[in-house]
Amino acid sequence: MALSKRGPEHVKVIDTPKKNVVGEHYIVELHTNNRKLLDDPEGIMRVLDKAAKAGNLTVEGRATKRFHPQGFTAVYLLSESHLSIHTWPELGYAALDVYTCGGDAKQAVDTLIREFEATKVDVVYLERGPLDEG
């Protein structure tokens, strides 16, 4: 499944990306049946690394927190801004945030959706700092 208005019915995109902005911000509500992955810090980090690479994003640093009995949070500091995830494995749910002022945020989001084996995705797209056309 990819981020597209023409994708499966369970993918909903709020807006269509434009390129005349300072940054692109995707807020992703992701549901999956792969609850084991949502509680696997190493697996989550592999997916985030893969998404950053797919989006041509430069990872400058990582902060993580493992919750008990379950759940995980990771924040990637990017040269282009940030990428974050908060998981609730017991719900099969992850909240993701991809904000970039460079690279290909959409490609990173597509990779996250695919690698987490999403069964339902809601995405809000925000244009940050729209630039004047004139």
Protein backbone atom coordinates (compact mmCIF):
# COMPACT_ATOMS: atom_id res chain seq x y z
CA MET A 1 0.00 0.00 0.00
CA ALA A 2 1.35 3.44 -0.87
CA LEU A 3 0.32 6.92 0.07
CA SER A 4 -2.03 7.86 -2.75
CA LYS A 5 -5.55 9.17 -3.24
CA ARG A 6 -6.04 6.24 -5.62
CA GLY A 7 -4.86 3.63 -3.10
CA PRO A 8 -6.92 1.13 -1.16
CA GLU A 9 -10.04 2.44 0.55
CA HIS A 10 -8.38 2.21 3.96
CA VAL A 11 -5.77 4.83 2.97
CA LYS A 12 -7.01 8.37 3.37
CA VAL A 13 -4.93 11.38 2.34
CA ILE A 14 -6.18 14.77 3.49
CA ASP A 15 -4.32 16.87 0.92
CA THR A 16 -2.12 16.61 -2.15
CA PRO A 17 1.55 17.55 -1.63
CA LYS A 18 2.92 20.68 -3.28
CA LYS A 19 6.55 21.66 -3.65
CA ASN A 20 6.36 25.45 -3.12
CA VAL A 21 6.70 25.19 0.66
CA VAL A 22 9.50 25.32 3.22
CA GLY A 23 8.58 21.90 4.59
CA GLU A 24 6.22 18.96 4.30
CA HIS A 25 4.65 17.46 7.42
CA TYR A 26 2.90 14.09 7.42
CA ILE A 27 0.98 12.97 10.50
CA VAL A 28 0.30 9.26 10.16
CA GLU A 29 -2.21 7.15 12.11
CA LEU A 30 -1.19 3.57 11.33
CA HIS A 31 -2.92 0.32 12.26
CA THR A 32 -1.38 -3.10 11.70
CA ASN A 33 -1.92 -6.73 12.62
CA ASN A 34 1.85 -7.04 13.13
CA ARG A 35 1.72 -6.20 16.83
CA LYS A 36 4.97 -8.06 17.46
CA LEU A 37 6.86 -5.56 15.29
CA LEU A 38 5.31 -2.64 17.19
CA ASP A 39 6.91 -4.00 20.38
CA ASP A 40 10.32 -4.77 18.83
CA PRO A 41 12.67 -1.78 19.27
CA GLU A 42 15.33 -3.20 16.96
CA GLY A 43 12.75 -4.00 14.28
CA ILE A 44 11.20 -0.54 14.55
CA MET A 45 14.62 1.10 14.24
CA ARG A 46 15.34 -0.98 11.11
CA VAL A 47 12.08 0.26 9.58
CA LEU A 48 12.81 3.89 10.51
CA ASP A 49 16.33 3.61 9.09
CA LYS A 50 14.90 2.14 5.88
CA ALA A 51 12.33 4.96 5.64
CA ALA A 52 15.00 7.62 6.18
CA LYS A 53 17.15 6.07 3.46
CA ALA A 54 14.19 5.76 1.06
CA GLY A 55 13.36 9.43 1.62
CA ASN A 56 17.00 10.50 1.17
CA LEU A 57 16.96 11.90 4.72
CA THR A 58 20.08 12.46 6.82
CA VAL A 59 19.89 11.03 10.36
CA GLU A 60 21.89 13.18 12.78
CA GLY A 61 20.75 11.53 16.01
CA ARG A 62 18.29 9.13 17.63
CA ALA A 63 16.48 9.11 20.97
CA THR A 64 14.48 6.07 22.10
CA LYS A 65 12.38 4.94 25.04
CA ARG A 66 11.16 1.38 25.71
CA PHE A 67 7.99 1.17 27.78
CA HIS A 68 7.00 -1.75 30.02
CA PRO A 69 5.14 -3.95 29.71
CA GLN A 70 4.98 -2.82 26.05
CA GLY A 71 5.38 0.10 23.69
CA PHE A 72 8.21 2.08 22.17
CA THR A 73 9.00 5.66 21.18
CA ALA A 74 11.74 6.83 18.85
CA VAL A 75 12.62 10.28 17.59
CA TYR A 76 15.10 10.77 14.77
CA LEU A 77 16.75 14.15 14.47
CA LEU A 78 17.24 14.76 10.75
CA SER A 79 19.27 17.39 8.98
CA GLU A 80 15.96 18.02 7.21
CA SER A 81 13.88 18.06 10.49
CA HIS A 82 12.47 14.97 12.28
CA LEU A 83 10.86 11.53 12.13
CA SER A 84 9.09 10.01 15.13
CA ILE A 85 7.04 7.00 16.20
CA HIS A 86 5.03 6.10 19.29
CA THR A 87 3.63 2.54 19.44
CA TRP A 88 0.79 0.84 21.28
CA PRO A 89 1.29 -2.84 20.39
CA GLU A 90 -1.74 -3.92 22.40
CA LEU A 91 -3.87 -1.83 20.03
CA GLY A 92 -1.95 -2.59 16.85
CA TYR A 93 -1.45 1.17 16.53
CA ALA A 94 1.44 3.53 15.82
CA ALA A 95 1.47 7.33 15.66
CA LEU A 96 4.11 8.58 13.21
CA ASP A 97 5.32 12.03 12.34
CA VAL A 98 7.47 12.87 9.31
CA TYR A 99 8.47 16.50 8.87
CA THR A 100 11.10 17.47 6.33
CA CYS A 101 12.41 20.55 4.57
CA GLY A 102 14.31 18.43 2.07
CA GLY A 103 14.49 14.90 0.79
CA ASP A 104 11.36 12.99 -0.13
CA ALA A 105 8.98 12.80 2.84
CA LYS A 106 6.31 11.00 0.80
CA GLN A 107 8.73 8.20 -0.08
CA ALA A 108 9.63 7.85 3.61
CA VAL A 109 5.93 7.63 4.53
CA ASP A 110 5.26 5.07 1.79
CA THR A 111 8.10 2.96 3.18
CA LEU A 112 6.71 3.17 6.73
CA ILE A 113 3.24 2.12 5.55
CA ARG A 114 4.64 -0.85 3.63
CA GLU A 115 7.17 -2.03 6.22
CA PHE A 116 4.76 -1.87 9.16
CA GLU A 117 2.27 -3.88 7.05
CA ALA A 118 -0.46 -1.32 7.58
CA THR A 119 -4.06 -2.50 7.46
CA LYS A 120 -5.49 1.00 7.95
CA VAL A 121 -3.83 4.38 7.55
CA ASP A 122 -5.04 7.93 8.03
CA VAL A 123 -2.68 10.68 6.93
CA VAL A 124 -2.85 14.41 7.48
CA TYR A 125 -0.57 16.44 5.21
CA LEU A 126 0.46 19.96 6.16
CA GLU A 127 2.37 22.45 4.08
CA ARG A 128 4.72 24.24 6.44
CA GLY A 129 5.76 27.76 5.54
CA PRO A 130 4.06 28.11 2.14
CA LEU A 131 6.11 30.29 -0.19
CA ASP A 132 4.53 33.10 -2.17
CA GLU A 133 4.11 32.38 -5.84
CA GLY A 134 4.89 36.00 -6.78
